[in-house]
C-alpha atoms as a PDB file:
ATOM      1  CA  MET A   1     -50.412-131.594-204.674  1.00  0.00           C
ATOM      2  CA  ARG A   2     -53.966-131.512-203.380  1.00  0.00           C
ATOM      3  CA  ARG A   3     -55.100-128.096-202.051  1.00  0.00           C
ATOM      4  CA  HIS A   4     -55.670-127.720-198.329  1.00  0.00           C
ATOM      5  CA  HIS A   5     -59.485-127.571-198.644  1.00  0.00           C
ATOM      6  CA  THR A   6     -61.254-130.759-197.797  1.00  0.00           C
ATOM      7  CA  GLY A   7     -64.274-130.034-199.880  1.00  0.00           C
ATOM      8  CA  SER A   8     -66.395-129.149-196.874  1.00  0.00           C
ATOM      9  CA  GLY A   9     -65.034-125.647-196.764  1.00  0.00           C
ATOM     10  CA  ARG A  10     -62.723-126.589-193.875  1.00  0.00           C
ATOM     11  CA  ARG A  11     -59.029-126.504-194.448  1.00  0.00           C
ATOM     12  CA  SER A  12     -56.766-129.512-193.822  1.00  0.00           C
ATOM     13  CA  VAL A  13     -53.510-128.491-192.118  1.00  0.00           C
ATOM     14  CA  ILE A  14     -51.641-131.339-193.818  1.00  0.00           C
ATOM     15  CA  PRO A  15     -53.007-132.704-197.109  1.00  0.00           C
ATOM     16  CA  ALA A  16     -53.126-136.509-197.681  1.00  0.00           C
ATOM     17  CA  ASP A  17     -50.332-136.393-200.339  1.00  0.00           C
ATOM     18  CA  TRP A  18     -48.056-134.064-198.394  1.00  0.00           C
ATOM     19  CA  SER A  19     -45.266-136.560-197.661  1.00  0.00           C
ATOM     20  CA  ALA A  20     -45.235-137.879-201.267  1.00  0.00           C
ATOM     21  CA  HIS A  21     -45.097-134.369-202.673  1.00  0.00           C
ATOM     22  CA  HIS A  22     -42.062-133.453-200.611  1.00  0.00           C
ATOM     23  CA  ARG A  23     -40.041-136.781-201.004  1.00  0.00           C
ATOM     24  CA  PRO A  24     -38.194-135.383-204.242  1.00  0.00           C
ATOM     25  CA  ALA A  25     -36.849-132.502-202.173  1.00  0.00           C
ATOM     26  CA  ALA A  26     -35.408-134.893-199.568  1.00  0.00           C
ATOM     27  CA  ASN A  27     -34.055-137.173-202.307  1.00  0.00           C
ATOM     28  CA  ASP A  28     -32.188-134.292-203.723  1.00  0.00           C
ATOM     29  CA  THR A  29     -30.143-134.058-200.469  1.00  0.00           C
ATOM     30  CA  HIS A  30     -28.877-137.599-200.896  1.00  0.00           C
ATOM     31  CA  THR A  31     -25.336-136.723-202.087  1.00  0.00           C
ATOM     32  CA  GLY A  32     -23.629-139.962-201.098  1.00  0.00           C
ATOM     33  CA  THR A  33     -23.916-143.592-202.032  1.00  0.00           C
ATOM     34  CA  VAL A  34     -24.088-146.611-199.711  1.00  0.00           C
ATOM     35  CA  GLN A  35     -24.482-150.280-199.782  1.00  0.00           C
ATOM     36  CA  LEU A  36     -26.558-152.167-197.162  1.00  0.00           C
ATOM     37  CA  ARG A  37     -25.907-155.780-196.318  1.00  0.00           C
ATOM     38  CA  HIS A  38     -26.929-158.022-193.484  1.00  0.00           C
ATOM     39  CA  ALA A  39     -24.419-158.667-190.758  1.00  0.00           C
ATOM     40  CA  GLY A  40     -22.359-161.878-190.771  1.00  0.00           C
ATOM     41  CA  GLY A  41     -21.875-163.949-193.922  1.00  0.00           C
ATOM     42  CA  ILE A  42     -21.874-167.230-195.674  1.00  0.00           C
ATOM     43  CA  ARG A  43     -19.581-169.835-194.058  1.00  0.00           C
ATOM     44  CA  GLY A  44     -17.056-171.284-196.376  1.00  0.00           C
ATOM     45  CA  THR A  45     -14.315-173.856-195.800  1.00  0.00           C
ATOM     46  CA  PHE A  46     -12.417-174.738-192.684  1.00  0.00           C
ATOM     47  CA  ASP A  47      -8.789-173.907-192.496  1.00  0.00           C
ATOM     48  CA  LYS A  48      -6.941-176.675-190.509  1.00  0.00           C
ATOM     49  CA  THR A  49      -3.874-174.427-190.168  1.00  0.00           C
ATOM     50  CA  THR A  50      -5.643-171.590-188.374  1.00  0.00           C
ATOM     51  CA  GLY A  51      -8.548-173.496-186.971  1.00  0.00           C
ATOM     52  CA  THR A  52     -11.043-171.092-188.429  1.00  0.00           C
ATOM     53  CA  TRP A  53     -13.814-170.995-191.049  1.00  0.00           C
ATOM     54  CA  SER A  54     -13.701-168.614-193.891  1.00  0.00           C
ATOM     55  CA  THR A  55     -16.647-166.319-194.254  1.00  0.00           C
ATOM     56  CA  THR A  56     -17.881-164.365-197.252  1.00  0.00           C
ATOM     57  CA  PRO A  57     -19.992-161.340-196.379  1.00  0.00           C
ATOM     58  CA  HIS A  58     -23.607-161.352-197.425  1.00  0.00           C
ATOM     59  CA  PRO A  59     -24.181-159.539-200.722  1.00  0.00           C
ATOM     60  CA  PRO A  60     -25.605-156.005-200.609  1.00  0.00           C
ATOM     61  CA  TYR A  61     -29.478-155.896-200.669  1.00  0.00           C
ATOM     62  CA  TYR A  62     -29.411-152.112-201.393  1.00  0.00           C
ATOM     63  CA  ALA A  63     -26.949-149.947-203.266  1.00  0.00           C
ATOM     64  CA  GLY A  64     -28.028-146.358-203.890  1.00  0.00           C
ATOM     65  CA  PRO A  65     -28.212-142.760-202.810  1.00  0.00           C
ATOM     66  CA  ALA A  66     -28.101-141.591-199.291  1.00  0.00           C
ATOM     67  CA  ARG A  67     -27.247-138.617-197.072  1.00  0.00           C
ATOM     68  CA  ILE A  68     -24.851-139.355-194.239  1.00  0.00           C
ATOM     69  CA  GLN A  69     -25.027-136.984-191.240  1.00  0.00           C
ATOM     70  CA  LEU A  70     -22.729-136.995-188.272  1.00  0.00           C
ATOM     71  CA  LEU A  71     -24.510-136.766-184.940  1.00  0.00           C
ATOM     72  CA  PRO A  72     -21.787-135.051-182.887  1.00  0.00           C
ATOM     73  CA  SER A  73     -23.819-134.836-179.677  1.00  0.00           C
ATOM     74  CA  GLU A  74     -24.100-138.703-179.679  1.00  0.00           C
ATOM     75  CA  THR A  75     -20.429-139.458-180.254  1.00  0.00           C
ATOM     76  CA  GLN A  76     -18.984-141.120-177.194  1.00  0.00           C
ATOM     77  CA  GLU A  77     -15.987-142.945-175.660  1.00  0.00           C
ATOM     78  CA  VAL A  78     -16.664-146.434-174.481  1.00  0.00           C
ATOM     79  CA  GLU A  79     -14.580-149.183-173.003  1.00  0.00           C
ATOM     80  CA  ALA A  80     -14.128-152.366-174.964  1.00  0.00           C
ATOM     81  CA  ALA A  81     -11.649-155.079-174.087  1.00  0.00           C
ATOM     82  CA  GLU A  82     -10.137-152.808-171.453  1.00  0.00           C
ATOM     83  CA  GLN A  83      -9.467-150.084-174.025  1.00  0.00           C
ATOM     84  CA  GLN A  84     -11.089-146.757-174.691  1.00  0.00           C
ATOM     85  CA  VAL A  85     -12.826-146.744-178.128  1.00  0.00           C
ATOM     86  CA  SER A  86     -14.441-143.777-179.837  1.00  0.00           C
ATOM     87  CA  LEU A  87     -17.927-144.408-181.246  1.00  0.00           C
ATOM     88  CA  ALA A  88     -19.174-141.987-183.866  1.00  0.00           C
ATOM     89  CA  ARG A  89     -22.852-141.972-184.580  1.00  0.00           C
ATOM     90  CA  TYR A  90     -24.463-141.138-187.929  1.00  0.00           C
ATOM     91  CA  ALA A  91     -27.937-140.741-189.377  1.00  0.00           C
ATOM     92  CA  VAL A  92     -28.127-142.342-192.810  1.00  0.00           C
ATOM     93  CA  MET A  93     -31.063-141.109-194.822  1.00  0.00           C
ATOM     94  CA  LEU A  94     -32.359-143.124-197.757  1.00  0.00           C
ATOM     95  CA  ASP A  95     -35.267-142.987-200.160  1.00  0.00           C
ATOM     96  CA  ALA A  96     -38.547-143.488-198.296  1.00  0.00           C
ATOM     97  CA  ASP A  97     -39.228-146.707-200.080  1.00  0.00           C
ATOM     98  CA  VAL A  98     -36.158-148.690-198.971  1.00  0.00           C
ATOM     99  CA  THR A  99     -37.029-151.720-196.812  1.00  0.00           C
ATOM    100  CA  GLY A 100     -35.447-154.954-195.761  1.00  0.00           C
ATOM    101  CA  PHE A 101     -33.063-153.663-193.208  1.00  0.00           C
ATOM    102  CA  ALA A 102     -32.459-155.028-189.738  1.00  0.00           C
ATOM    103  CA  LEU A 103     -30.490-154.093-186.550  1.00  0.00           C
ATOM    104  CA  GLU A 104     -26.742-154.835-186.846  1.00  0.00           C
ATOM    105  CA  ASP A 105     -26.819-154.485-190.762  1.00  0.00           C
ATOM    106  CA  ILE A 106     -23.735-153.030-192.285  1.00  0.00           C
ATOM    107  CA  CYS A 107     -23.916-149.745-194.171  1.00  0.00           C
ATOM    108  CA  LYS A 108     -20.824-149.228-196.268  1.00  0.00           C
ATOM    109  CA  VAL A 109     -20.263-145.651-197.676  1.00  0.00           C
ATOM    110  CA  THR A 110     -19.168-146.155-201.289  1.00  0.00           C
ATOM    111  CA  ALA A 111     -19.078-142.540-202.476  1.00  0.00           C
ATOM    112  CA  VAL A 112     -19.688-138.936-201.475  1.00  0.00           C
ATOM    113  CA  GLU A 113     -20.087-135.919-203.845  1.00  0.00           C
ATOM    114  CA  GLY A 114     -17.885-132.907-203.806  1.00  0.00           C
ATOM    115  CA  ASN A 115     -19.469-131.304-200.720  1.00  0.00           C
ATOM    116  CA  GLY A 116     -18.932-134.538-198.720  1.00  0.00           C
ATOM    117  CA  ASP A 117     -16.111-135.702-196.617  1.00  0.00           C
ATOM    118  CA  ALA A 118     -14.059-138.200-198.649  1.00  0.00           C
ATOM    119  CA  TRP A 119     -12.829-139.764-195.370  1.00  0.00           C
ATOM    120  CA  LEU A 120     -16.232-141.537-195.129  1.00  0.00           C
ATOM    121  CA  VAL A 121     -15.705-143.560-198.246  1.00  0.00           C
ATOM    122  CA  GLY A 122     -15.069-147.127-197.333  1.00  0.00           C
ATOM    123  CA  ARG A 123     -16.260-146.795-193.809  1.00  0.00           C
ATOM    124  CA  GLU A 124     -18.621-149.547-192.628  1.00  0.00           C
ATOM    125  CA  LEU A 125     -21.276-148.354-190.184  1.00  0.00           C
ATOM    126  CA  THR A 126     -23.421-150.595-188.020  1.00  0.00           C
ATOM    127  CA  VAL A 127     -27.227-150.048-187.832  1.00  0.00           C
ATOM    128  CA  TYR A 128     -28.370-149.672-184.190  1.00  0.00           C
ATOM    129  CA  ALA A 129     -31.808-148.169-184.804  1.00  0.00           C
ATOM    130  CA  PHE A 130     -34.300-147.163-187.478  1.00  0.00           C
ATOM    131  CA  GLY A 131     -37.777-145.822-187.495  1.00  0.00           C
ATOM    132  CA  GLY A 132     -40.691-144.281-189.352  1.00  0.00           C
ATOM    133  CA  ALA A 133     -42.933-141.405-188.787  1.00  0.00           C
ATOM    134  CA  SER A 134     -46.457-140.265-189.526  1.00  0.00           C
ATOM    135  CA  LEU A 135     -44.935-137.619-191.987  1.00  0.00           C
ATOM    136  CA  HIS A 136     -42.559-139.769-193.927  1.00  0.00           C
ATOM    137  CA  TRP A 137     -40.149-138.014-196.351  1.00  0.00           C
ATOM    138  CA  GLU A 138     -37.268-140.505-196.187  1.00  0.00           C
ATOM    139  CA  ARG A 139     -35.949-143.660-194.413  1.00  0.00           C
ATOM    140  CA  ARG A 140     -33.655-142.905-191.521  1.00  0.00           C
ATOM    141  CA  LEU A 141     -31.135-145.408-190.180  1.00  0.00           C
ATOM    142  CA  LEU A 142     -29.067-144.627-187.091  1.00  0.00           C
ATOM    143  CA  CYS A 143     -25.544-146.109-187.261  1.00  0.00           C
ATOM    144  CA  THR A 144     -22.383-146.312-185.212  1.00  0.00           C
ATOM    145  CA  ASP A 145     -18.727-146.377-186.452  1.00  0.00           C
ATOM    146  CA  SER A 146     -16.128-147.824-184.185  1.00  0.00           C
ATOM    147  CA  LEU A 147     -13.307-145.486-185.215  1.00  0.00           C
ATOM    148  CA  GLU A 148     -10.688-147.970-183.963  1.00  0.00           C
ATOM    149  CA  THR A 149     -11.601-150.899-186.196  1.00  0.00           C
ATOM    150  CA  GLN A 150     -10.952-149.573-189.749  1.00  0.00           C
ATOM    151  CA  GLU A 151      -7.782-148.423-191.397  1.00  0.00           C
ATOM    152  CA  GLN A 152      -7.896-145.174-193.315  1.00  0.00           C
END
């Protein structure tokens, strides 16, 4: 890591390589594994009996380490189809270099280490926001989980 001096005798509060230097520390907190895929899928054949098309989900474009954090202050009850549905919200942190994501993408939790909640494994979260920052240690996706839609 470059020292804080700029060469002119003045000190730089944040060195130019500060984010890159700290990324390994953030990556060490990624104790889960996720797969990211785009929403929707590839349309297959038409079933005359049911009157529907089969759909194969898009393949994952990312499979790798992540940290999944519940955002309890953002969990809420909403009404959908005249029923109350609980929505849990999560922050999913990935390596800083991960790209290619879009709103409505699906983030499937495939594993958590011993300190994690095994209940998360298999959950499919929906990306509702993402962003960057001027000090960039990791990629942050904000996701929702409709607790009523998945069997556990």
